Amino acid sequence: METMVTARHCSISDTLRLRTVERLEALARVEPNVQSAHVCFIADHGTHRVEVRVHGTRGRTMVATGSGASFRSALDAAVERVERQLKRRRERLTARKSARPAPVL
């Protein structure tokens, strides 16, 4: 998966970049069709926000934001929200496939 990390009005450490890539690559076990992700760290008047955009197949995009006292907590919140969205989408697809009627003989 291709991961792009952007920082607006701030700078982030290399350890935070590594943690971001690790957390996003862990999403592949939930949804294997994730193609790329874009993470934006935003510092605005003392608040730390993180926006995560995950791009899947067929143009599907999941967006989640998280805010917190630090970038690490904001990142965790945003990744949890994206993971929840991906799980919900995966459950809907599997439920829809299993609900097909039996063939008529």
PDB file of N, CA and C in Angstrom:
ATOM      1  N   MET A   1       0.848  -1.171   0.000  1.00  0.00           N
ATOM      2  CA  MET A   1       0.000   0.000   0.000  1.00  0.00           C
ATOM      3  C   MET A   1       0.893   1.234   0.000  1.00  0.00           C
ATOM      4  N   GLU A   2       0.519   2.189  -0.805  1.00  0.00           N
ATOM      5  CA  GLU A   2       1.244   3.447  -0.895  1.00  0.00           C
ATOM      6  C   GLU A   2       0.699   4.397   0.165  1.00  0.00           C
ATOM      7  N   THR A   3       1.587   4.944   0.992  1.00  0.00           N
ATOM      8  CA  THR A   3       1.176   5.841   2.067  1.00  0.00           C
ATOM      9  C   THR A   3       1.880   7.177   1.899  1.00  0.00           C
ATOM     10  N   MET A   4       1.102   8.248   1.924  1.00  0.00           N
ATOM     11  CA  MET A   4       1.657   9.589   1.827  1.00  0.00           C
ATOM     12  C   MET A   4       1.337  10.334   3.115  1.00  0.00           C
ATOM     13  N   VAL A   5       2.351  10.952   3.713  1.00  0.00           N
ATOM     14  CA  VAL A   5       2.193  11.668   4.978  1.00  0.00           C
ATOM     15  C   VAL A   5       2.495  13.134   4.740  1.00  0.00           C
ATOM     16  N   THR A   6       1.572  14.014   5.187  1.00  0.00           N
ATOM     17  CA  THR A   6       1.705  15.453   5.021  1.00  0.00           C
ATOM     18  C   THR A   6       1.556  16.122   6.381  1.00  0.00           C
ATOM     19  N   ALA A   7       2.319  17.190   6.605  1.00  0.00           N
ATOM     20  CA  ALA A   7       2.203  17.971   7.839  1.00  0.00           C
ATOM     21  C   ALA A   7       1.908  19.418   7.472  1.00  0.00           C
ATOM     22  N   ARG A   8       0.840  19.960   8.045  1.00  0.00           N
ATOM     23  CA  ARG A   8       0.475  21.359   7.796  1.00  0.00           C
ATOM     24  C   ARG A   8       0.702  22.181   9.058  1.00  0.00           C
ATOM     25  N   HIS A   9       1.451  23.233   8.929  1.00  0.00           N
ATOM     26  CA  HIS A   9       1.723  24.169  10.021  1.00  0.00           C
ATOM     27  C   HIS A   9       2.443  23.506  11.184  1.00  0.00           C
ATOM     28  N   CYS A  10       3.179  22.439  10.911  1.00  0.00           N
ATOM     29  CA  CYS A  10       3.908  21.747  11.967  1.00  0.00           C
ATOM     30  C   CYS A  10       4.964  20.859  11.324  1.00  0.00           C
ATOM     31  N   SER A  11       5.737  20.224  12.152  1.00  0.00           N
ATOM     32  CA  SER A  11       6.673  19.210  11.670  1.00  0.00           C
ATOM     33  C   SER A  11       6.484  17.978  12.546  1.00  0.00           C
ATOM     34  N   ILE A  12       6.641  16.815  11.942  1.00  0.00           N
ATOM     35  CA  ILE A  12       6.455  15.576  12.697  1.00  0.00           C
ATOM     36  C   ILE A  12       7.756  14.786  12.682  1.00  0.00           C
ATOM     37  N   SER A  13       7.918  13.976  13.703  1.00  0.00           N
ATOM     38  CA  SER A  13       9.160  13.222  13.839  1.00  0.00           C
ATOM     39  C   SER A  13       9.142  11.978  12.961  1.00  0.00           C
ATOM     40  N   ASP A  14      10.334  11.413  12.795  1.00  0.00           N
ATOM     41  CA  ASP A  14      10.442  10.189  11.997  1.00  0.00           C
ATOM     42  C   ASP A  14       9.763   9.012  12.685  1.00  0.00           C
ATOM     43  N   THR A  15       9.781   8.992  14.007  1.00  0.00           N
ATOM     44  CA  THR A  15       9.109   7.897  14.715  1.00  0.00           C
ATOM     45  C   THR A  15       7.601   7.947  14.503  1.00  0.00           C
ATOM     46  N   LEU A  16       7.045   9.152  14.452  1.00  0.00           N
ATOM     47  CA  LEU A  16       5.612   9.288  14.201  1.00  0.00           C
ATOM     48  C   LEU A  16       5.280   8.881  12.768  1.00  0.00           C
ATOM     49  N   ARG A  17       6.154   9.192  11.826  1.00  0.00           N
ATOM     50  CA  ARG A  17       5.958   8.740  10.445  1.00  0.00           C
ATOM     51  C   ARG A  17       5.959   7.221  10.364  1.00  0.00           C
ATOM     52  N   LEU A  18       6.909   6.592  11.044  1.00  0.00           N
ATOM     53  CA  LEU A  18       6.978   5.130  11.050  1.00  0.00           C
ATOM     54  C   LEU A  18       5.738   4.520  11.682  1.00  0.00           C
ATOM     55  N   ARG A  19       5.297   5.088  12.789  1.00  0.00           N
ATOM     56  CA  ARG A  19       4.088   4.586  13.457  1.00  0.00           C
ATOM     57  C   ARG A  19       2.871   4.734  12.544  1.00  0.00           C
ATOM     58  N   THR A  20       2.808   5.826  11.814  1.00  0.00           N
ATOM     59  CA  THR A  20       1.696   6.050  10.888  1.00  0.00           C
ATOM     60  C   THR A  20       1.670   4.983   9.808  1.00  0.00           C
ATOM     61  N   VAL A  21       2.808   4.713   9.218  1.00  0.00           N
ATOM     62  CA  VAL A  21       2.878   3.708   8.153  1.00  0.00           C
ATOM     63  C   VAL A  21       2.532   2.324   8.700  1.00  0.00           C
ATOM     64  N   GLU A  22       3.031   1.995   9.881  1.00  0.00           N
ATOM     65  CA  GLU A  22       2.726   0.694  10.491  1.00  0.00           C
ATOM     66  C   GLU A  22       1.238   0.537  10.769  1.00  0.00           C
ATOM     67  N   ARG A  23       0.622   1.572  11.331  1.00  0.00           N
ATOM     68  CA  ARG A  23      -0.811   1.497  11.648  1.00  0.00           C
ATOM     69  C   ARG A  23      -1.656   1.360  10.392  1.00  0.00           C
ATOM     70  N   LEU A  24      -1.276   2.044   9.325  1.00  0.00           N
ATOM     71  CA  LEU A  24      -2.053   1.970   8.096  1.00  0.00           C
ATOM     72  C   LEU A  24      -1.841   0.651   7.360  1.00  0.00           C
ATOM     73  N   GLU A  25      -0.657   0.096   7.424  1.00  0.00           N
ATOM     74  CA  GLU A  25      -0.429  -1.197   6.790  1.00  0.00           C
ATOM     75  C   GLU A  25      -1.144  -2.313   7.536  1.00  0.00           C
ATOM     76  N   ALA A  26      -1.439  -2.100   8.808  1.00  0.00           N
ATOM     77  CA  ALA A  26      -2.205  -3.083   9.570  1.00  0.00           C
ATOM     78  C   ALA A  26      -3.660  -3.127   9.097  1.00  0.00           C
ATOM     79  N   LEU A  27      -4.116  -2.087   8.412  1.00  0.00           N
ATOM     80  CA  LEU A  27      -5.478  -2.085   7.878  1.00  0.00           C
ATOM     81  C   LEU A  27      -5.650  -3.103   6.758  1.00  0.00           C
ATOM     82  N   ALA A  28      -4.555  -3.575   6.188  1.00  0.00           N
ATOM     83  CA  ALA A  28      -4.634  -4.539   5.091  1.00  0.00           C
ATOM     84  C   ALA A  28      -5.234  -5.860   5.548  1.00  0.00           C
ATOM     85  N   ARG A  29      -5.144  -6.175   6.831  1.00  0.00           N
ATOM     86  CA  ARG A  29      -5.764  -7.427   7.306  1.00  0.00           C
ATOM     87  C   ARG A  29      -7.279  -7.292   7.412  1.00  0.00           C
ATOM     88  N   VAL A  30      -7.773  -6.068   7.559  1.00  0.00           N
ATOM     89  CA  VAL A  30      -9.211  -5.830   7.590  1.00  0.00           C
ATOM     90  C   VAL A  30      -9.760  -5.762   6.166  1.00  0.00           C
ATOM     91  N   GLU A  31      -9.099  -4.988   5.326  1.00  0.00           N
ATOM     92  CA  GLU A  31      -9.522  -4.806   3.938  1.00  0.00           C
ATOM     93  C   GLU A  31      -8.306  -4.966   3.032  1.00  0.00           C
ATOM     94  N   PRO A  32      -8.180  -6.097   2.354  1.00  0.00           N
ATOM     95  CA  PRO A  32      -6.994  -6.321   1.525  1.00  0.00           C
ATOM     96  C   PRO A  32      -6.971  -5.499   0.238  1.00  0.00           C
ATOM     97  N   ASN A  33      -8.062  -4.873  -0.138  1.00  0.00           N
ATOM     98  CA  ASN A  33      -8.131  -4.111  -1.384  1.00  0.00           C
ATOM     99  C   ASN A  33      -7.792  -2.640  -1.228  1.00  0.00           C
ATOM    100  N   VAL A  34      -7.153  -2.258  -0.145  1.00  0.00           N
ATOM    101  CA  VAL A  34      -6.758  -0.866   0.056  1.00  0.00           C
ATOM    102  C   VAL A  34      -5.546  -0.591  -0.828  1.00  0.00           C
ATOM    103  N   GLN A  35      -5.641   0.436  -1.664  1.00  0.00           N
ATOM    104  CA  GLN A  35      -4.559   0.752  -2.596  1.00  0.00           C
ATOM    105  C   GLN A  35      -3.602   1.798  -2.058  1.00  0.00           C
ATOM    106  N   SER A  36      -4.142   2.868  -1.484  1.00  0.00           N
ATOM    107  CA  SER A  36      -3.274   3.935  -0.999  1.00  0.00           C
ATOM    108  C   SER A  36      -3.943   4.649   0.171  1.00  0.00           C
ATOM    109  N   ALA A  37      -3.127   5.421   0.870  1.00  0.00           N
ATOM    110  CA  ALA A  37      -3.632   6.195   2.000  1.00  0.00           C
ATOM    111  C   ALA A  37      -2.904   7.530   2.046  1.00  0.00           C
ATOM    112  N   HIS A  38      -3.630   8.556   2.490  1.00  0.00           N
ATOM    113  CA  HIS A  38      -3.056   9.881   2.654  1.00  0.00           C
ATOM    114  C   HIS A  38      -3.378  10.350   4.060  1.00  0.00           C
ATOM    115  N   VAL A  39      -2.344  10.689   4.811  1.00  0.00           N
ATOM    116  CA  VAL A  39      -2.503  11.137   6.198  1.00  0.00           C
ATOM    117  C   VAL A  39      -2.008  12.565   6.291  1.00  0.00           C
ATOM    118  N   CYS A  40      -2.834  13.421   6.866  1.00  0.00           N
ATOM    119  CA  CYS A  40      -2.489  14.831   7.004  1.00  0.00           C
ATOM    120  C   CYS A  40      -2.507  15.213   8.485  1.00  0.00           C
ATOM    121  N   PHE A  41      -1.363  15.662   8.991  1.00  0.00           N
ATOM    122  CA  PHE A  41      -1.255  16.146  10.371  1.00  0.00           C
ATOM    123  C   PHE A  41      -1.416  17.651  10.346  1.00  0.00           C
ATOM    124  N   ILE A  42      -2.330  18.172  11.186  1.00  0.00           N
ATOM    125  CA  ILE A  42      -2.643  19.597  11.185  1.00  0.00           C
ATOM    126  C   ILE A  42      -2.534  20.137  12.608  1.00  0.00           C
ATOM    127  N   ALA A  43      -1.740  21.180  12.781  1.00  0.00           N
ATOM    128  CA  ALA A  43      -1.641  21.865  14.066  1.00  0.00           C
ATOM    129  C   ALA A  43      -2.286  23.231  13.906  1.00  0.00           C
ATOM    130  N   ASP A  44      -3.299  23.505  14.738  1.00  0.00           N
ATOM    131  CA  ASP A  44      -4.027  24.755  14.612  1.00  0.00           C
ATOM    132  C   ASP A  44      -4.332  25.306  15.994  1.00  0.00           C
ATOM    133  N   HIS A  45      -3.606  26.322  16.403  1.00  0.00           N
ATOM    134  CA  HIS A  45      -3.821  26.999  17.684  1.00  0.00           C
ATOM    135  C   HIS A  45      -3.803  26.021  18.861  1.00  0.00           C
ATOM    136  N   GLY A  46      -2.833  25.152  18.883  1.00  0.00           N
ATOM    137  CA  GLY A  46      -2.673  24.244  20.017  1.00  0.00           C
ATOM    138  C   GLY A  46      -3.447  22.945  19.920  1.00  0.00           C
ATOM    139  N   THR A  47      -4.310  22.796  18.956  1.00  0.00           N
ATOM    140  CA  THR A  47      -5.023  21.535  18.790  1.00  0.00           C
ATOM    141  C   THR A  47      -4.316  20.698  17.732  1.00  0.00           C
ATOM    142  N   HIS A  48      -4.329  19.415  17.946  1.00  0.00           N
ATOM    143  CA  HIS A  48      -3.700  18.486  17.017  1.00  0.00           C
ATOM    144  C   HIS A  48      -4.787  17.660  16.340  1.00  0.00           C
ATOM    145  N   ARG A  49      -4.823  17.737  15.008  1.00  0.00           N
ATOM    146  CA  ARG A  49      -5.804  16.973  14.241  1.00  0.00           C
ATOM    147  C   ARG A  49      -5.084  16.116  13.219  1.00  0.00           C
ATOM    148  N   VAL A  50      -5.691  14.965  12.932  1.00  0.00           N
ATOM    149  CA  VAL A  50      -5.162  14.070  11.908  1.00  0.00           C
ATOM    150  C   VAL A  50      -6.322  13.683  11.006  1.00  0.00           C
ATOM    151  N   GLU A  51      -6.105  13.789   9.702  1.00  0.00           N
ATOM    152  CA  GLU A  51      -7.105  13.366   8.728  1.00  0.00           C
ATOM    153  C   GLU A  51      -6.524  12.209   7.927  1.00  0.00           C
ATOM    154  N   VAL A  52      -7.281  11.111   7.853  1.00  0.00           N
ATOM    155  CA  VAL A  52      -6.836   9.920   7.140  1.00  0.00           C
ATOM    156  C   VAL A  52      -7.800   9.667   5.988  1.00  0.00           C
ATOM    157  N   ARG A  53      -7.249   9.537   4.788  1.00  0.00           N
ATOM    158  CA  ARG A  53      -8.031   9.181   3.595  1.00  0.00           C
ATOM    159  C   ARG A  53      -7.481   7.873   3.062  1.00  0.00           C
ATOM    160  N   VAL A  54      -8.354   6.866   2.984  1.00  0.00           N
ATOM    161  CA  VAL A  54      -7.963   5.560   2.491  1.00  0.00           C
ATOM    162  C   VAL A  54      -8.680   5.323   1.172  1.00  0.00           C
ATOM    163  N   HIS A  55      -7.918   5.023   0.131  1.00  0.00           N
ATOM    164  CA  HIS A  55      -8.465   4.819  -1.203  1.00  0.00           C
ATOM    165  C   HIS A  55      -8.460   3.332  -1.510  1.00  0.00           C
ATOM    166  N   GLY A  56      -9.633   2.808  -1.846  1.00  0.00           N
ATOM    167  CA  GLY A  56      -9.773   1.401  -2.179  1.00  0.00           C
ATOM    168  C   GLY A  56     -10.027   1.201  -3.651  1.00  0.00           C
ATOM    169  N   THR A  57     -10.437   0.002  -3.984  1.00  0.00           N
ATOM    170  CA  THR A  57     -10.718  -0.311  -5.372  1.00  0.00           C
ATOM    171  C   THR A  57     -12.019   0.351  -5.810  1.00  0.00           C
ATOM    172  N   ARG A  58     -12.139   0.531  -7.086  1.00  0.00           N
ATOM    173  CA  ARG A  58     -13.322   1.123  -7.709  1.00  0.00           C
ATOM    174  C   ARG A  58     -13.646   2.525  -7.194  1.00  0.00           C
ATOM    175  N   GLY A  59     -12.625   3.264  -6.802  1.00  0.00           N
ATOM    176  CA  GLY A  59     -12.822   4.645  -6.392  1.00  0.00           C
ATOM    177  C   GLY A  59     -13.420   4.846  -5.017  1.00  0.00           C
ATOM    178  N   ARG A  60     -13.486   3.818  -4.212  1.00  0.00           N
ATOM    179  CA  ARG A  60     -14.033   3.949  -2.858  1.00  0.00           C
ATOM    180  C   ARG A  60     -13.023   4.671  -1.969  1.00  0.00           C
ATOM    181  N   THR A  61     -13.491   5.684  -1.256  1.00  0.00           N
ATOM    182  CA  THR A  61     -12.632   6.456  -0.365  1.00  0.00           C
ATOM    183  C   THR A  61     -13.289   6.559   0.999  1.00  0.00           C
ATOM    184  N   MET A  62     -12.523   6.238   2.033  1.00  0.00           N
ATOM    185  CA  MET A  62     -12.984   6.374   3.413  1.00  0.00           C
ATOM    186  C   MET A  62     -12.190   7.519   4.047  1.00  0.00           C
ATOM    187  N   VAL A  63     -12.880   8.415   4.726  1.00  0.00           N
ATOM    188  CA  VAL A  63     -12.240   9.564   5.348  1.00  0.00           C
ATOM    189  C   VAL A  63     -12.596   9.574   6.824  1.00  0.00           C
ATOM    190  N   ALA A  64     -11.585   9.794   7.666  1.00  0.00           N
ATOM    191  CA  ALA A  64     -11.818   9.902   9.103  1.00  0.00           C
ATOM    192  C   ALA A  64     -10.866  10.944   9.683  1.00  0.00           C
ATOM    193  N   THR A  65     -11.340  11.656  10.687  1.00  0.00           N
ATOM    194  CA  THR A  65     -10.504  12.633  11.366  1.00  0.00           C
ATOM    195  C   THR A  65     -10.462  12.304  12.848  1.00  0.00           C
ATOM    196  N   GLY A  66      -9.380  12.686  13.460  1.00  0.00           N
ATOM    197  CA  GLY A  66      -9.231  12.503  14.900  1.00  0.00           C
ATOM    198  C   GLY A  66      -8.505  13.699  15.478  1.00  0.00           C
ATOM    199  N   SER A  67      -8.839  14.043  16.688  1.00  0.00           N
ATOM    200  CA  SER A  67      -8.151  15.147  17.350  1.00  0.00           C
ATOM    201  C   SER A  67      -7.820  14.718  18.769  1.00  0.00           C
ATOM    202  N   GLY A  68      -6.793  15.340  19.307  1.00  0.00           N
ATOM    203  CA  GLY A  68      -6.377  14.969  20.647  1.00  0.00           C
ATOM    204  C   GLY A  68      -5.326  15.920  21.176  1.00  0.00           C
ATOM    205  N   ALA A  69      -4.802  15.571  22.341  1.00  0.00           N
ATOM    206  CA  ALA A  69      -3.790  16.405  22.977  1.00  0.00           C
ATOM    207  C   ALA A  69      -2.452  16.301  22.261  1.00  0.00           C
ATOM    208  N   SER A  70      -2.228  15.184  21.585  1.00  0.00           N
ATOM    209  CA  SER A  70      -0.990  14.989  20.831  1.00  0.00           C
ATOM    210  C   SER A  70      -1.326  14.368  19.482  1.00  0.00           C
ATOM    211  N   PHE A  71      -0.360  14.396  18.590  1.00  0.00           N
ATOM    212  CA  PHE A  71      -0.575  13.793  17.282  1.00  0.00           C
ATOM    213  C   PHE A  71      -0.748  12.286  17.382  1.00  0.00           C
ATOM    214  N   ARG A  72      -0.077  11.675  18.338  1.00  0.00           N
ATOM    215  CA  ARG A  72      -0.178  10.224  18.506  1.00  0.00           C
ATOM    216  C   ARG A  72      -1.598   9.804  18.871  1.00  0.00           C
ATOM    217  N   SER A  73      -2.223  10.497  19.806  1.00  0.00           N
ATOM    218  CA  SER A  73      -3.592  10.155  20.194  1.00  0.00           C
ATOM    219  C   SER A  73      -4.580  10.486  19.075  1.00  0.00           C
ATOM    220  N   ALA A  74      -4.339  11.570  18.355  1.00  0.00           N
ATOM    221  CA  ALA A  74      -5.203  11.925  17.230  1.00  0.00           C
ATOM    222  C   ALA A  74      -5.088  10.894  16.117  1.00  0.00           C
ATOM    223  N   LEU A  75      -3.880  10.407  15.868  1.00  0.00           N
ATOM    224  CA  LEU A  75      -3.669   9.377  14.854  1.00  0.00           C
ATOM    225  C   LEU A  75      -4.391   8.090  15.233  1.00  0.00           C
ATOM    226  N   ASP A  76      -4.278   7.687  16.493  1.00  0.00           N
ATOM    227  CA  ASP A  76      -4.963   6.473  16.945  1.00  0.00           C
ATOM    228  C   ASP A  76      -6.470   6.582  16.771  1.00  0.00           C
ATOM    229  N   ALA A  77      -7.031   7.737  17.094  1.00  0.00           N
ATOM    230  CA  ALA A  77      -8.476   7.929  16.958  1.00  0.00           C
ATOM    231  C   ALA A  77      -8.903   7.869  15.497  1.00  0.00           C
ATOM    232  N   ALA A  78      -8.151   8.498  14.622  1.00  0.00           N
ATOM    233  CA  ALA A  78      -8.512   8.516  13.198  1.00  0.00           C
ATOM    234  C   ALA A  78      -8.388   7.129  12.577  1.00  0.00           C
ATOM    235  N   VAL A  79      -7.344   6.395  12.920  1.00  0.00           N
ATOM    236  CA  VAL A  79      -7.160   5.051  12.360  1.00  0.00           C
ATOM    237  C   VAL A  79      -8.243   4.107  12.868  1.00  0.00           C
ATOM    238  N   GLU A  80      -8.638   4.245  14.120  1.00  0.00           N
ATOM    239  CA  GLU A  80      -9.728   3.418  14.656  1.00  0.00           C
ATOM    240  C   GLU A  80     -11.028   3.689  13.904  1.00  0.00           C
ATOM    241  N   ARG A  81     -11.295   4.933  13.578  1.00  0.00           N
ATOM    242  CA  ARG A  81     -12.513   5.261  12.842  1.00  0.00           C
ATOM    243  C   ARG A  81     -12.488   4.693  11.431  1.00  0.00           C
ATOM    244  N   VAL A  82     -11.353   4.799  10.760  1.00  0.00           N
ATOM    245  CA  VAL A  82     -11.243   4.236   9.411  1.00  0.00           C
ATOM    246  C   VAL A  82     -11.389   2.719   9.469  1.00  0.00           C
ATOM    247  N   GLU A  83     -10.769   2.097  10.467  1.00  0.00           N
ATOM    248  CA  GLU A  83     -10.871   0.645  10.605  1.00  0.00           C
ATOM    249  C   GLU A  83     -12.317   0.212  10.826  1.00  0.00           C
ATOM    250  N   ARG A  84     -13.038   0.966  11.627  1.00  0.00           N
ATOM    251  CA  ARG A  84     -14.448   0.672  11.868  1.00  0.00           C
ATOM    252  C   ARG A  84     -15.260   0.793  10.575  1.00  0.00           C
ATOM    253  N   GLN A  85     -14.970   1.817   9.773  1.00  0.00           N
ATOM    254  CA  GLN A  85     -15.665   1.993   8.498  1.00  0.00           C
ATOM    255  C   GLN A  85     -15.373   0.835   7.547  1.00  0.00           C
ATOM    256  N   LEU A  86     -14.111   0.427   7.485  1.00  0.00           N
ATOM    257  CA  LEU A  86     -13.735  -0.676   6.601  1.00  0.00           C
ATOM    258  C   LEU A  86     -14.365  -1.992   7.041  1.00  0.00           C
ATOM    259  N   LYS A  87     -14.411  -2.241   8.348  1.00  0.00           N
ATOM    260  CA  LYS A  87     -15.044  -3.462   8.851  1.00  0.00           C
ATOM    261  C   LYS A  87     -16.529  -3.479   8.530  1.00  0.00           C
ATOM    262  N   ARG A  88     -17.195  -2.343   8.720  1.00  0.00           N
ATOM    263  CA  ARG A  88     -18.618  -2.254   8.439  1.00  0.00           C
ATOM    264  C   ARG A  88     -18.888  -2.502   6.956  1.00  0.00           C
ATOM    265  N   ARG A  89     -18.049  -1.939   6.093  1.00  0.00           N
ATOM    266  CA  ARG A  89     -18.218  -2.146   4.658  1.00  0.00           C
ATOM    267  C   ARG A  89     -17.990  -3.605   4.290  1.00  0.00           C
ATOM    268  N   ARG A  90     -16.981  -4.234   4.879  1.00  0.00           N
ATOM    269  CA  ARG A  90     -16.694  -5.640   4.607  1.00  0.00           C
ATOM    270  C   ARG A  90     -17.852  -6.530   5.073  1.00  0.00           C
ATOM    271  N   GLU A  91     -18.412  -6.238   6.231  1.00  0.00           N
ATOM    272  CA  GLU A  91     -19.547  -7.017   6.742  1.00  0.00           C
ATOM    273  C   GLU A  91     -20.767  -6.875   5.832  1.00  0.00           C
ATOM    274  N   ARG A  92     -21.003  -5.688   5.331  1.00  0.00           N
ATOM    275  CA  ARG A  92     -22.142  -5.486   4.429  1.00  0.00           C
ATOM    276  C   ARG A  92     -21.967  -6.291   3.145  1.00  0.00           C
ATOM    277  N   LEU A  93     -20.759  -6.321   2.609  1.00  0.00           N
ATOM    278  CA  LEU A  93     -20.524  -7.070   1.380  1.00  0.00           C
ATOM    279  C   LEU A  93     -20.693  -8.569   1.592  1.00  0.00           C
ATOM    280  N   THR A  94     -20.174  -9.094   2.688  1.00  0.00           N
ATOM    281  CA  THR A  94     -20.290 -10.532   2.931  1.00  0.00           C
ATOM    282  C   THR A  94     -21.726 -10.915   3.249  1.00  0.00           C
ATOM    283  N   ALA A  95     -22.457 -10.061   3.954  1.00  0.00           N
ATOM    284  CA  ALA A  95     -23.858 -10.355   4.258  1.00  0.00           C
ATOM    285  C   ALA A  95     -24.693 -10.326   2.982  1.00  0.00           C
ATOM    286  N   ARG A  96     -24.352  -9.447   2.087  1.00  0.00           N
ATOM    287  CA  ARG A  96     -25.093  -9.335   0.840  1.00  0.00           C
ATOM    288  C   ARG A  96     -24.848 -10.561  -0.048  1.00  0.00           C
ATOM    289  N   LYS A  97     -23.627 -11.057  -0.063  1.00  0.00           N
ATOM    290  CA  LYS A  97     -23.311 -12.231  -0.876  1.00  0.00           C
ATOM    291  C   LYS A  97     -23.965 -13.485  -0.314  1.00  0.00           C
ATOM    292  N   SER A  98     -24.016 -13.602   1.015  1.00  0.00           N
ATOM    293  CA  SER A  98     -24.583 -14.808   1.618  1.00  0.00           C
ATOM    294  C   SER A  98     -26.108 -14.808   1.588  1.00  0.00           C
ATOM    295  N   ALA A  99     -26.742 -13.677   1.301  1.00  0.00           N
ATOM    296  CA  ALA A  99     -28.189 -13.576   1.299  1.00  0.00           C
ATOM    297  C   ALA A  99     -28.790 -13.882  -0.073  1.00  0.00           C
ATOM    298  N   ARG A 100     -28.006 -14.394  -0.991  1.00  0.00           N
ATOM    299  CA  ARG A 100     -28.532 -14.702  -2.307  1.00  0.00           C
ATOM    300  C   ARG A 100     -29.496 -15.903  -2.238  1.00  0.00           C
ATOM    301  N   PRO A 101     -30.549 -15.865  -2.993  1.00  0.00           N
ATOM    302  CA  PRO A 101     -31.517 -16.971  -2.953  1.00  0.00           C
ATOM    303  C   PRO A 101     -30.935 -18.237  -3.593  1.00  0.00           C
ATOM    304  N   ALA A 102     -31.467 -19.364  -3.173  1.00  0.00           N
ATOM    305  CA  ALA A 102     -31.023 -20.647  -3.707  1.00  0.00           C
ATOM    306  C   ALA A 102     -31.520 -20.813  -5.147  1.00  0.00           C
ATOM    307  N   PRO A 103     -30.769 -21.487  -5.980  1.00  0.00           N
ATOM    308  CA  PRO A 103     -31.201 -21.662  -7.378  1.00  0.00           C
ATOM    309  C   PRO A 103     -32.419 -22.580  -7.452  1.00  0.00           C
ATOM    310  N   VAL A 104     -33.278 -22.297  -8.403  1.00  0.00           N
ATOM    311  CA  VAL A 104     -34.493 -23.082  -8.597  1.00  0.00           C
ATOM    312  C   VAL A 104     -34.138 -24.289  -9.463  1.00  0.00           C
ATOM    313  N   LEU A 105     -34.567 -25.460  -9.019  1.00  0.00           N
ATOM    314  CA  LEU A 105     -34.270 -26.687  -9.780  1.00  0.00           C
ATOM    315  C   LEU A 105     -35.363 -27.052 -10.730  1.00  0.00           C
TER     316      LEU A 105
END
